[in-house]
Amino acid sequence: MKHQNKVLFEALELPCGVVLKNRIAKSAMSDSLGDGTGHPTVEQNRLYQRWAKGGLALSIVGEVQPTSGYAEKPGNLVLNSASDLSKFRELAHHGGENGVLLCLQLGHAGALAYAPISNPKGPSALDLEGLQCEAMTLDEIAQVPVDFAETARLAQQAGFGGVQIHAAHGFLLSQFLSPLFNKRMDQYGGTIANRMRLLLETIDTVRAAVGPRFLIAVKINASDQLEGGLQEADALKVITALDQTSVDLIDISGGTYFPGAKSASDSAGHGPYFVEFAKLARAVSTKPLMLTGGFKSRTQAEAVVGSGVVDVVGLARALALEPALPNLWAADQMPEPVFPRFQSAPEGGITAWYTMRLTEIGADAETSVATELDQAIEAYDARDAVRTDIWKRYFA
């Protein structure tokens, strides 16, 4: 029997004039497939090509750094004036096949920058177990929008369809929004109006660099899910402010990579995580909304889009299990991908497993038999060690 609900496969025009062919996005993940010098690899090109051929409308490359100083991992991409733009053009070409809008997520890990290759800095100095950083100066803060805008301009030049400004998951712009990270007493700290100042300045600077017809999305937390962190009331004030900017799509997520914090995506829940917040966001914003986190079936995705709560669903781990899932859904096949279950996974272990799964897909080497968790973690750590050495030599 044919599936009658086709809401996921309706087109959507964004404020910038770009049209998404359907409502399914590959949300940003740190695939860690850069070569250690900040450039894409053959495997990364193939991974995004497979997602493109799989029927997505929007695909976002996670954690692309404007500079080498504050990377989240040594497999991150780095795009600036010193980069080989031809290698990024190749990624844009392959990942943008089949009518997909391929975007780069503009990242800066701030206080959570990978210490072996960085000098972590955030809104305020921190000296906590597992997390130490210096406070950024006003000059360093002022440089952030400039660097993001330059990377966005180069992304446009290389043929990407847009950028996403990363203000979620505990990275730099999220840190500025969070009173747990941001203890500043100047114009960038205190009230939420001040804590969102850097995000709004970054949006304006990026828009000035790329013009009105280039997609700019923002990823924001509904909540940090940490005591003393960003809470829903302040997050809604940020959404309200974003409604007055030139952004084209607001991607709602949540949680943080703060050491010891439980990831929302590692929970045992069976549905999307932040639907209730999305309903509140819909009431204060006319911008197209995307919801990322916890979608495990076609029925869940259809229900949220069909209700009008959001316009786009962001899939991550589901597409790591089956890169052609949108095509399968369109053909009324595989309504629910089979998610592996992990017992007693160490912190970061499940992320490592999914990251190595992406590596297998990029090499056309995935199998129906799940790799053992310990084996995936070992391979993940070994690759990080190799690329850390490459990173240090290349960016020295």
Foldseek 3Di string as FASTA:
>chain_A
DDDDQPQQQPWDAWPLGDIFRGFEEADEDALLQAPLLQFHDLLLLLLLLLLLVLDGREYEHHFEELDQAAGLFSSHHHDAPPDDLQRVLSSLVRNCPNNHQYAYEYFGQAQNGDVLRHQHEACDADDDVVTGHHHDDPVRLVCVLVSSLRRQLSNVVSNHQAYEYECAANGHLVLLQWQVNHPDPDQSDDDNNSSNVSVQSSLVSNCVSHDSNGAYEYEYECWQPDVRTDHNVSSLVVLLVVQPGSHGEYEYDYHHVPPPTDDQQLDPDQAFDCLVSLQVSVVRHPHAYEYEGRDFFPVRQSVSCVVVSHPHYHYHLNCLQPSSVVVQVVVVHCRGRDDDDDDPADVCLVSLQSSVSSSCSSVVRDDPDRDDSVVSVVVSVVVSVVSSVSNVVSVD
